[in-house]
PDB file of N, CA and C in Angstrom:
ATOM      1  N   MET A   1     -25.416  20.622  12.295  1.00  0.00           N
ATOM      2  CA  MET A   1     -24.486  19.322  11.651  1.00  0.00           C
ATOM      3  C   MET A   1     -23.038  19.958  11.238  1.00  0.00           C
ATOM      4  N   ASP A   2     -22.521  19.584  11.682  1.00  0.00           N
ATOM      5  CA  ASP A   2     -21.180  19.696  11.233  1.00  0.00           C
ATOM      6  C   ASP A   2     -20.559  19.428  10.081  1.00  0.00           C
ATOM      7  N   LEU A   3     -19.283  19.180   8.941  1.00  0.00           N
ATOM      8  CA  LEU A   3     -19.147  18.244   8.684  1.00  0.00           C
ATOM      9  C   LEU A   3     -18.868  17.050   8.235  1.00  0.00           C
ATOM     10  N   ALA A   4     -18.352  16.948   9.244  1.00  0.00           N
ATOM     11  CA  ALA A   4     -17.974  15.087   9.887  1.00  0.00           C
ATOM     12  C   ALA A   4     -19.730  14.574   9.473  1.00  0.00           C
ATOM     13  N   ASP A   5     -20.056  15.022  10.120  1.00  0.00           N
ATOM     14  CA  ASP A   5     -21.996  14.297   9.921  1.00  0.00           C
ATOM     15  C   ASP A   5     -22.407  14.511   9.222  1.00  0.00           C
ATOM     16  N   LYS A   6     -21.862  15.771   7.863  1.00  0.00           N
ATOM     17  CA  LYS A   6     -22.496  15.272   6.826  1.00  0.00           C
ATOM     18  C   LYS A   6     -22.013  14.663   5.854  1.00  0.00           C
ATOM     19  N   LYS A   7     -20.620  14.625   6.079  1.00  0.00           N
ATOM     20  CA  LYS A   7     -19.808  13.139   5.118  1.00  0.00           C
ATOM     21  C   LYS A   7     -20.390  11.999   5.844  1.00  0.00           C
ATOM     22  N   GLU A   8     -20.642  11.520   6.829  1.00  0.00           N
ATOM     23  CA  GLU A   8     -20.988  10.307   7.556  1.00  0.00           C
ATOM     24  C   GLU A   8     -22.222   9.878   6.463  1.00  0.00           C
ATOM     25  N   LYS A   9     -23.034  10.940   7.028  1.00  0.00           N
ATOM     26  CA  LYS A   9     -24.371  10.738   6.359  1.00  0.00           C
ATOM     27  C   LYS A   9     -24.377  10.570   5.159  1.00  0.00           C
ATOM     28  N   ALA A  10     -23.338  11.382   4.209  1.00  0.00           N
ATOM     29  CA  ALA A  10     -24.175  10.742   2.315  1.00  0.00           C
ATOM     30  C   ALA A  10     -23.210   9.484   2.153  1.00  0.00           C
ATOM     31  N   PHE A  11     -21.948   9.704   3.512  1.00  0.00           N
ATOM     32  CA  PHE A  11     -21.293   8.003   2.270  1.00  0.00           C
ATOM     33  C   PHE A  11     -22.168   6.768   3.066  1.00  0.00           C
ATOM     34  N   ALA A  12     -23.271   7.199   4.362  1.00  0.00           N
ATOM     35  CA  ALA A  12     -24.439   6.383   4.563  1.00  0.00           C
ATOM     36  C   ALA A  12     -25.460   5.856   3.185  1.00  0.00           C
ATOM     37  N   TYR A  13     -26.087   7.297   2.833  1.00  0.00           N
ATOM     38  CA  TYR A  13     -26.727   6.918   1.327  1.00  0.00           C
ATOM     39  C   TYR A  13     -26.081   6.204   0.288  1.00  0.00           C
ATOM     40  N   GLN A  14     -24.590   6.570   0.153  1.00  0.00           N
ATOM     41  CA  GLN A  14     -23.973   6.120  -1.064  1.00  0.00           C
ATOM     42  C   GLN A  14     -24.125   4.886  -0.400  1.00  0.00           C
ATOM     43  N   VAL A  15     -23.862   3.992   0.793  1.00  0.00           N
ATOM     44  CA  VAL A  15     -23.694   2.743   0.431  1.00  0.00           C
ATOM     45  C   VAL A  15     -25.002   2.217   0.555  1.00  0.00           C
ATOM     46  N   GLU A  16     -26.056   2.726   0.885  1.00  0.00           N
ATOM     47  CA  GLU A  16     -27.645   2.115   0.751  1.00  0.00           C
ATOM     48  C   GLU A  16     -27.790   2.281  -1.585  1.00  0.00           C
ATOM     49  N   ILE A  17     -27.411   2.599  -1.767  1.00  0.00           N
ATOM     50  CA  ILE A  17     -27.202   3.118  -2.724  1.00  0.00           C
ATOM     51  C   ILE A  17     -26.701   1.655  -3.680  1.00  0.00           C
ATOM     52  N   GLU A  18     -25.625   1.619  -2.707  1.00  0.00           N
ATOM     53  CA  GLU A  18     -25.118   0.284  -3.694  1.00  0.00           C
ATOM     54  C   GLU A  18     -24.971  -1.440  -3.189  1.00  0.00           C
ATOM     55  N   LYS A  19     -25.928  -1.149  -1.620  1.00  0.00           N
ATOM     56  CA  LYS A  19     -26.602  -1.972  -1.834  1.00  0.00           C
ATOM     57  C   LYS A  19     -27.757  -2.647  -2.683  1.00  0.00           C
ATOM     58  N   ILE A  20     -28.386  -1.894  -3.173  1.00  0.00           N
ATOM     59  CA  ILE A  20     -29.262  -1.435  -4.360  1.00  0.00           C
ATOM     60  C   ILE A  20     -28.503  -2.340  -5.673  1.00  0.00           C
ATOM     61  N   LEU A  21     -27.423  -1.431  -5.754  1.00  0.00           N
ATOM     62  CA  LEU A  21     -26.814  -2.281  -7.085  1.00  0.00           C
ATOM     63  C   LEU A  21     -26.480  -3.303  -6.859  1.00  0.00           C
ATOM     64  N   LEU A  22     -26.281  -4.286  -5.970  1.00  0.00           N
ATOM     65  CA  LEU A  22     -25.476  -4.998  -5.392  1.00  0.00           C
ATOM     66  C   LEU A  22     -26.645  -6.367  -5.823  1.00  0.00           C
ATOM     67  N   GLN A  23     -27.691  -5.629  -4.679  1.00  0.00           N
ATOM     68  CA  GLN A  23     -29.033  -6.786  -4.457  1.00  0.00           C
ATOM     69  C   GLN A  23     -29.392  -7.449  -6.519  1.00  0.00           C
ATOM     70  N   GLY A  24     -29.543  -6.205  -7.322  1.00  0.00           N
ATOM     71  CA  GLY A  24     -29.827  -5.740  -7.510  1.00  0.00           C
ATOM     72  C   GLY A  24     -29.154  -6.532  -9.304  1.00  0.00           C
ATOM     73  N   GLY A  25     -27.721  -7.149  -8.937  1.00  0.00           N
ATOM     74  CA  GLY A  25     -26.800  -7.707  -9.742  1.00  0.00           C
ATOM     75  C   GLY A  25     -26.023  -7.128 -10.576  1.00  0.00           C
ATOM     76  N   PHE A  26     -26.385  -5.756 -10.366  1.00  0.00           N
ATOM     77  CA  PHE A  26     -24.858  -4.539 -11.280  1.00  0.00           C
ATOM     78  C   PHE A  26     -23.685  -4.520 -10.891  1.00  0.00           C
ATOM     79  N   ALA A  27     -23.524  -5.132  -9.735  1.00  0.00           N
ATOM     80  CA  ALA A  27     -21.844  -4.422  -9.505  1.00  0.00           C
ATOM     81  C   ALA A  27     -20.788  -6.172  -9.671  1.00  0.00           C
ATOM     82  N   TYR A  28     -21.531  -6.586 -10.516  1.00  0.00           N
ATOM     83  CA  TYR A  28     -21.123  -8.100 -10.905  1.00  0.00           C
ATOM     84  C   TYR A  28     -20.264  -8.490 -12.224  1.00  0.00           C
ATOM     85  N   LYS A  29     -20.067  -7.647 -12.947  1.00  0.00           N
ATOM     86  CA  LYS A  29     -20.230  -7.176 -14.644  1.00  0.00           C
ATOM     87  C   LYS A  29     -19.079  -7.277 -14.622  1.00  0.00           C
ATOM     88  N   LYS A  30     -17.758  -6.183 -13.513  1.00  0.00           N
ATOM     89  CA  LYS A  30     -16.053  -6.253 -13.987  1.00  0.00           C
ATOM     90  C   LYS A  30     -15.624  -7.327 -13.056  1.00  0.00           C
ATOM     91  N   ASP A  31     -15.613  -8.418 -13.305  1.00  0.00           N
ATOM     92  CA  ASP A  31     -14.317  -9.310 -12.529  1.00  0.00           C
ATOM     93  C   ASP A  31     -14.564  -9.145 -11.359  1.00  0.00           C
ATOM     94  N   GLY A  32     -15.674  -9.052 -10.442  1.00  0.00           N
ATOM     95  CA  GLY A  32     -16.170  -8.729  -8.882  1.00  0.00           C
ATOM     96  C   GLY A  32     -15.776  -7.569  -8.388  1.00  0.00           C
ATOM     97  N   ARG A  33     -14.456  -6.466  -8.866  1.00  0.00           N
ATOM     98  CA  ARG A  33     -14.163  -5.434  -7.997  1.00  0.00           C
ATOM     99  C   ARG A  33     -14.952  -4.538  -7.558  1.00  0.00           C
ATOM    100  N   GLU A  34     -15.331  -4.810  -8.256  1.00  0.00           N
ATOM    101  CA  GLU A  34     -17.188  -3.186  -8.119  1.00  0.00           C
ATOM    102  C   GLU A  34     -18.352  -4.087  -6.532  1.00  0.00           C
ATOM    103  N   LYS A  35     -17.970  -5.224  -7.039  1.00  0.00           N
ATOM    104  CA  LYS A  35     -18.490  -6.181  -5.788  1.00  0.00           C
ATOM    105  C   LYS A  35     -18.290  -6.363  -4.457  1.00  0.00           C
ATOM    106  N   ASN A  36     -16.310  -6.426  -4.578  1.00  0.00           N
ATOM    107  CA  ASN A  36     -16.133  -6.447  -3.543  1.00  0.00           C
ATOM    108  C   ASN A  36     -15.375  -4.460  -3.111  1.00  0.00           C
ATOM    109  N   ARG A  37     -15.802  -3.916  -3.623  1.00  0.00           N
ATOM    110  CA  ARG A  37     -15.492  -1.839  -3.726  1.00  0.00           C
ATOM    111  C   ARG A  37     -17.224  -2.022  -2.716  1.00  0.00           C
ATOM    112  N   ILE A  38     -17.790  -2.438  -3.192  1.00  0.00           N
ATOM    113  CA  ILE A  38     -19.425  -2.407  -2.483  1.00  0.00           C
ATOM    114  C   ILE A  38     -19.246  -3.034  -0.842  1.00  0.00           C
ATOM    115  N   LEU A  39     -18.667  -4.339  -0.795  1.00  0.00           N
ATOM    116  CA  LEU A  39     -18.488  -4.653  -0.146  1.00  0.00           C
ATOM    117  C   LEU A  39     -17.662  -4.335   1.265  1.00  0.00           C
ATOM    118  N   ASP A  40     -16.765  -3.835   0.602  1.00  0.00           N
ATOM    119  CA  ASP A  40     -16.055  -3.258   1.866  1.00  0.00           C
ATOM    120  C   ASP A  40     -16.523  -2.119   2.396  1.00  0.00           C
ATOM    121  N   ASN A  41     -16.933  -1.216   1.537  1.00  0.00           N
ATOM    122  CA  ASN A  41     -18.201  -0.426   1.581  1.00  0.00           C
ATOM    123  C   ASN A  41     -18.806  -0.463   2.887  1.00  0.00           C
ATOM    124  N   ILE A  42     -19.365  -1.302   2.679  1.00  0.00           N
ATOM    125  CA  ILE A  42     -20.705  -1.912   3.892  1.00  0.00           C
ATOM    126  C   ILE A  42     -20.179  -2.270   5.405  1.00  0.00           C
ATOM    127  N   ARG A  43     -19.157  -2.588   5.131  1.00  0.00           N
ATOM    128  CA  ARG A  43     -18.243  -3.197   6.220  1.00  0.00           C
ATOM    129  C   ARG A  43     -17.576  -1.752   6.798  1.00  0.00           C
ATOM    130  N   MET A  44     -17.116  -1.262   6.426  1.00  0.00           N
ATOM    131  CA  MET A  44     -16.326   0.420   6.939  1.00  0.00           C
ATOM    132  C   MET A  44     -18.241   0.640   7.445  1.00  0.00           C
ATOM    133  N   LEU A  45     -18.805   0.725   6.721  1.00  0.00           N
ATOM    134  CA  LEU A  45     -19.876   2.286   7.696  1.00  0.00           C
ATOM    135  C   LEU A  45     -20.421   1.278   8.588  1.00  0.00           C
ATOM    136  N   ALA A  46     -20.289  -0.094   8.427  1.00  0.00           N
ATOM    137  CA  ALA A  46     -21.659  -1.056   9.293  1.00  0.00           C
ATOM    138  C   ALA A  46     -19.990  -0.940  11.297  1.00  0.00           C
ATOM    139  N   ASN A  47     -18.627  -0.819  10.157  1.00  0.00           N
ATOM    140  CA  ASN A  47     -17.957  -0.932  11.485  1.00  0.00           C
ATOM    141  C   ASN A  47     -17.869   0.727  11.827  1.00  0.00           C
ATOM    142  N   GLY A  48     -18.135   1.848  10.970  1.00  0.00           N
ATOM    143  CA  GLY A  48     -17.980   2.988  11.523  1.00  0.00           C
ATOM    144  C   GLY A  48     -16.831   3.951  11.140  1.00  0.00           C
ATOM    145  N   LEU A  49     -15.986   3.241  10.762  1.00  0.00           N
ATOM    146  CA  LEU A  49     -15.231   3.912  10.022  1.00  0.00           C
ATOM    147  C   LEU A  49     -15.138   4.482   8.474  1.00  0.00           C
ATOM    148  N   ASP A  50     -14.039   5.493   8.436  1.00  0.00           N
ATOM    149  CA  ASP A  50     -14.400   6.292   7.180  1.00  0.00           C
ATOM    150  C   ASP A  50     -13.378   5.627   6.116  1.00  0.00           C
ATOM    151  N   PRO A  51     -14.328   6.065   4.766  1.00  0.00           N
ATOM    152  CA  PRO A  51     -13.251   5.623   3.239  1.00  0.00           C
ATOM    153  C   PRO A  51     -12.427   5.936   3.215  1.00  0.00           C
ATOM    154  N   TYR A  52     -12.222   7.615   4.380  1.00  0.00           N
ATOM    155  CA  TYR A  52     -11.916   8.363   3.327  1.00  0.00           C
ATOM    156  C   TYR A  52     -10.300   8.613   4.760  1.00  0.00           C
ATOM    157  N   GLU A  53     -10.116   7.871   4.986  1.00  0.00           N
ATOM    158  CA  GLU A  53      -8.803   8.131   6.275  1.00  0.00           C
ATOM    159  C   GLU A  53      -8.215   7.040   6.295  1.00  0.00           C
ATOM    160  N   ILE A  54      -8.394   5.484   5.626  1.00  0.00           N
ATOM    161  CA  ILE A  54      -8.410   4.596   5.608  1.00  0.00           C
ATOM    162  C   ILE A  54      -7.081   4.422   4.195  1.00  0.00           C
ATOM    163  N   PRO A  55      -6.366   4.137   4.273  1.00  0.00           N
ATOM    164  CA  PRO A  55      -5.976   3.802   2.587  1.00  0.00           C
ATOM    165  C   PRO A  55      -6.104   2.862   2.001  1.00  0.00           C
ATOM    166  N   THR A  56      -6.574   2.473   0.225  1.00  0.00           N
ATOM    167  CA  THR A  56      -6.756   1.619   0.460  1.00  0.00           C
ATOM    168  C   THR A  56      -5.531   1.266  -1.143  1.00  0.00           C
ATOM    169  N   TRP A  57      -5.472   0.187  -1.973  1.00  0.00           N
ATOM    170  CA  TRP A  57      -5.230   0.013  -2.963  1.00  0.00           C
ATOM    171  C   TRP A  57      -5.845  -0.494  -4.200  1.00  0.00           C
ATOM    172  N   PHE A  58      -5.365   0.176  -5.207  1.00  0.00           N
ATOM    173  CA  PHE A  58      -6.169  -0.528  -6.427  1.00  0.00           C
ATOM    174  C   PHE A  58      -5.329  -1.055  -7.274  1.00  0.00           C
ATOM    175  N   GLY A  59      -5.181  -2.288  -7.820  1.00  0.00           N
ATOM    176  CA  GLY A  59      -4.525  -2.648  -8.290  1.00  0.00           C
ATOM    177  C   GLY A  59      -3.156  -3.710  -7.574  1.00  0.00           C
ATOM    178  N   GLU A  60      -2.565  -4.314  -8.050  1.00  0.00           N
ATOM    179  CA  GLU A  60      -1.079  -4.084  -8.116  1.00  0.00           C
ATOM    180  C   GLU A  60      -0.763  -4.077  -7.144  1.00  0.00           C
ATOM    181  N   PRO A  61       0.470  -4.113  -5.643  1.00  0.00           N
ATOM    182  CA  PRO A  61       0.574  -3.193  -5.144  1.00  0.00           C
ATOM    183  C   PRO A  61       1.534  -3.075  -5.844  1.00  0.00           C
ATOM    184  N   GLU A  62       2.634  -1.996  -6.059  1.00  0.00           N
ATOM    185  CA  GLU A  62       3.980  -1.819  -6.194  1.00  0.00           C
ATOM    186  C   GLU A  62       5.170  -2.647  -5.875  1.00  0.00           C
ATOM    187  N   GLU A  63       5.894  -2.620  -6.703  1.00  0.00           N
ATOM    188  CA  GLU A  63       6.999  -3.362  -6.020  1.00  0.00           C
ATOM    189  C   GLU A  63       8.165  -2.701  -5.268  1.00  0.00           C
ATOM    190  N   PRO A  64       9.224  -2.415  -4.291  1.00  0.00           N
ATOM    191  CA  PRO A  64       9.614  -1.329  -3.551  1.00  0.00           C
ATOM    192  C   PRO A  64      11.104  -1.596  -4.763  1.00  0.00           C
ATOM    193  N   ILE A  65      11.425   0.076  -4.552  1.00  0.00           N
ATOM    194  CA  ILE A  65      12.478  -0.214  -5.742  1.00  0.00           C
ATOM    195  C   ILE A  65      13.485  -0.170  -4.937  1.00  0.00           C
ATOM    196  N   TRP A  66      14.498  -1.281  -4.948  1.00  0.00           N
ATOM    197  CA  TRP A  66      15.963  -0.901  -4.386  1.00  0.00           C
ATOM    198  C   TRP A  66      17.086  -1.461  -4.600  1.00  0.00           C
ATOM    199  N   GLN A  67      18.351  -1.512  -4.066  1.00  0.00           N
ATOM    200  CA  GLN A  67      19.542  -1.752  -4.493  1.00  0.00           C
ATOM    201  C   GLN A  67      20.243  -2.254  -3.300  1.00  0.00           C
ATOM    202  N   PRO A  68      19.926  -4.312  -3.865  1.00  0.00           N
ATOM    203  CA  PRO A  68      21.467  -4.952  -2.754  1.00  0.00           C
ATOM    204  C   PRO A  68      22.001  -4.455  -2.520  1.00  0.00           C
ATOM    205  N   ASP A  69      23.122  -5.080  -2.047  1.00  0.00           N
ATOM    206  CA  ASP A  69      24.617  -4.230  -1.613  1.00  0.00           C
ATOM    207  C   ASP A  69      25.552  -4.875  -1.715  1.00  0.00           C
ATOM    208  N   TYR A  70      24.977  -5.855  -2.523  1.00  0.00           N
ATOM    209  CA  TYR A  70      26.244  -7.043  -2.807  1.00  0.00           C
ATOM    210  C   TYR A  70      25.808  -7.079  -4.562  1.00  0.00           C
ATOM    211  N   TRP A  71      26.304  -7.650  -5.142  1.00  0.00           N
ATOM    212  CA  TRP A  71      26.848  -8.321  -6.627  1.00  0.00           C
ATOM    213  C   TRP A  71      26.881  -9.820  -6.628  1.00  0.00           C
ATOM    214  N   GLY A  72      25.520 -10.485  -8.115  1.00  0.00           N
ATOM    215  CA  GLY A  72      25.744 -11.227  -8.536  1.00  0.00           C
ATOM    216  C   GLY A  72      25.517 -12.231  -7.739  1.00  0.00           C
ATOM    217  N   ASP A  73      26.472 -13.288  -7.478  1.00  0.00           N
ATOM    218  CA  ASP A  73      26.397 -14.618  -6.480  1.00  0.00           C
ATOM    219  C   ASP A  73      26.816 -14.313  -4.907  1.00  0.00           C
ATOM    220  N   GLU A  74      26.986 -13.421  -4.503  1.00  0.00           N
ATOM    221  CA  GLU A  74      27.425 -13.279  -2.889  1.00  0.00           C
ATOM    222  C   GLU A  74      26.528 -13.340  -2.640  1.00  0.00           C
ATOM    223  N   ASP A  75      26.302 -13.816  -1.577  1.00  0.00           N
ATOM    224  CA  ASP A  75      25.629 -14.333  -0.741  1.00  0.00           C
ATOM    225  C   ASP A  75      25.159 -12.950   0.648  1.00  0.00           C
ATOM    226  N   PRO A  76      24.026 -12.929   0.735  1.00  0.00           N
ATOM    227  CA  PRO A  76      24.394 -11.316   1.625  1.00  0.00           C
ATOM    228  C   PRO A  76      23.871 -12.276   2.760  1.00  0.00           C
ATOM    229  N   ASP A  77      23.755 -13.245   3.614  1.00  0.00           N
ATOM    230  CA  ASP A  77      23.719 -13.604   4.787  1.00  0.00           C
ATOM    231  C   ASP A  77      24.607 -14.686   5.007  1.00  0.00           C
ATOM    232  N   ASN A  78      25.473 -14.370   4.446  1.00  0.00           N
ATOM    233  CA  ASN A  78      27.156 -14.640   4.515  1.00  0.00           C
ATOM    234  C   ASN A  78      27.809 -13.835   5.564  1.00  0.00           C
ATOM    235  N   PRO A  79      28.137 -13.514   6.848  1.00  0.00           N
ATOM    236  CA  PRO A  79      29.379 -12.976   7.692  1.00  0.00           C
ATOM    237  C   PRO A  79      30.324 -12.492   6.653  1.00  0.00           C
ATOM    238  N   ALA A  80      31.042 -13.347   6.551  1.00  0.00           N
ATOM    239  CA  ALA A  80      32.458 -12.910   5.115  1.00  0.00           C
ATOM    240  C   ALA A  80      32.166 -11.889   3.792  1.00  0.00           C
ATOM    241  N   ASN A  81      31.120 -12.095   3.441  1.00  0.00           N
ATOM    242  CA  ASN A  81      30.587 -10.894   3.122  1.00  0.00           C
ATOM    243  C   ASN A  81      30.276  -9.184   3.538  1.00  0.00           C
ATOM    244  N   TRP A  82      30.078  -9.281   4.691  1.00  0.00           N
ATOM    245  CA  TRP A  82      29.660  -7.889   4.955  1.00  0.00           C
ATOM    246  C   TRP A  82      30.770  -7.101   5.861  1.00  0.00           C
ATOM    247  N   GLN A  83      30.365  -5.819   5.191  1.00  0.00           N
ATOM    248  CA  GLN A  83      31.796  -4.808   5.402  1.00  0.00           C
ATOM    249  C   GLN A  83      30.980  -4.524   6.497  1.00  0.00           C
ATOM    250  N   SER A  84      31.578  -4.281   7.546  1.00  0.00           N
ATOM    251  CA  SER A  84      32.263  -2.772   8.604  1.00  0.00           C
ATOM    252  C   SER A  84      31.635  -1.706   8.435  1.00  0.00           C
ATOM    253  N   GLU A  85      30.928  -0.984   8.175  1.00  0.00           N
ATOM    254  CA  GLU A  85      30.640   1.010   8.847  1.00  0.00           C
ATOM    255  C   GLU A  85      32.147   1.735   9.039  1.00  0.00           C
ATOM    256  N   TYR A  86      32.475   0.600   9.727  1.00  0.00           N
ATOM    257  CA  TYR A  86      33.862   1.556  10.366  1.00  0.00           C
ATOM    258  C   TYR A  86      34.848   0.991  10.385  1.00  0.00           C
ATOM    259  N   SER A  87      35.025   0.466   8.728  1.00  0.00           N
ATOM    260  CA  SER A  87      36.343  -0.423   8.615  1.00  0.00           C
ATOM    261  C   SER A  87      37.309   0.396   8.705  1.00  0.00           C
ATOM    262  N   GLU A  88      38.768   0.305   8.977  1.00  0.00           N
ATOM    263  CA  GLU A  88      39.275   0.877   8.087  1.00  0.00           C
ATOM    264  C   GLU A  88      40.543   0.713   7.237  1.00  0.00           C
ATOM    265  N   ASP A  89      39.792  -0.408   6.637  1.00  0.00           N
ATOM    266  CA  ASP A  89      40.197  -0.805   5.556  1.00  0.00           C
ATOM    267  C   ASP A  89      40.356   0.306   4.226  1.00  0.00           C
ATOM    268  N   LEU A  90      40.692   1.034   3.583  1.00  0.00           N
ATOM    269  CA  LEU A  90      40.538   2.041   2.991  1.00  0.00           C
ATOM    270  C   LEU A  90      40.069   2.082   1.622  1.00  0.00           C
ATOM    271  N   SER A  91      39.948  -0.025   0.856  1.00  0.00           N
ATOM    272  CA  SER A  91      40.165   0.175  -0.187  1.00  0.00           C
ATOM    273  C   SER A  91      38.038  -0.550  -0.377  1.00  0.00           C
ATOM    274  N   ASP A  92      38.163  -0.255   1.312  1.00  0.00           N
ATOM    275  CA  ASP A  92      36.311  -0.792   1.175  1.00  0.00           C
ATOM    276  C   ASP A  92      35.342   0.704   0.901  1.00  0.00           C
ATOM    277  N   PHE A  93      36.208   1.430   0.647  1.00  0.00           N
ATOM    278  CA  PHE A  93      35.966   2.890   0.310  1.00  0.00           C
ATOM    279  C   PHE A  93      35.143   2.650  -1.101  1.00  0.00           C
ATOM    280  N   ASP A  94      34.236   3.268  -1.106  1.00  0.00           N
ATOM    281  CA  ASP A  94      34.060   3.950  -2.932  1.00  0.00           C
ATOM    282  C   ASP A  94      33.541   4.972  -3.331  1.00  0.00           C
ATOM    283  N   GLU A  95      34.619   5.621  -2.370  1.00  0.00           N
ATOM    284  CA  GLU A  95      34.944   7.469  -2.461  1.00  0.00           C
ATOM    285  C   GLU A  95      35.799   7.179  -3.204  1.00  0.00           C
ATOM    286  N   ASP A  96      36.193   8.125  -3.924  1.00  0.00           N
ATOM    287  CA  ASP A  96      37.142   9.233  -4.992  1.00  0.00           C
ATOM    288  C   ASP A  96      38.049   9.418  -3.751  1.00  0.00           C
ATOM    289  N   PRO A  97      39.985   8.446  -3.705  1.00  0.00           N
ATOM    290  CA  PRO A  97      40.538   9.541  -2.127  1.00  0.00           C
ATOM    291  C   PRO A  97      40.991  10.335  -3.004  1.00  0.00           C
ATOM    292  N   ASP A  98      41.158  10.768  -4.779  1.00  0.00           N
ATOM    293  CA  ASP A  98      41.638  11.787  -4.795  1.00  0.00           C
ATOM    294  C   ASP A  98      40.592  13.615  -5.304  1.00  0.00           C
ATOM    295  N   TYR A  99      39.196  13.031  -5.104  1.00  0.00           N
ATOM    296  CA  TYR A  99      37.976  14.101  -4.777  1.00  0.00           C
ATOM    297  C   TYR A  99      38.330  14.802  -3.960  1.00  0.00           C
ATOM    298  N   PRO A 100      38.334  16.288  -3.525  1.00  0.00           N
ATOM    299  CA  PRO A 100      38.720  16.834  -2.414  1.00  0.00           C
ATOM    300  C   PRO A 100      37.022  16.476  -1.868  1.00  0.00           C
TER     301      PRO A 100
END
């Protein structure tokens, strides 16, 4: 028996124990999160998925950190506010011309 088979067998045992907890009503205590996790594990086992290869998120997803390239009330969808990457107007550059 290789390591993957052992891991699958251990997960199957875990799911069986979690089913007993669910049927006994012990998993309903914490606002349903425990119940939902157990149900997800049951579905993963039924579909032959490995729970350690599937990304899971706990809690609220993080907001992406980004900065808009426009200021205040400028409309980013208005083409008049777009700057060409290859603009020949040197006033478009944020770089200091005196910096070597």
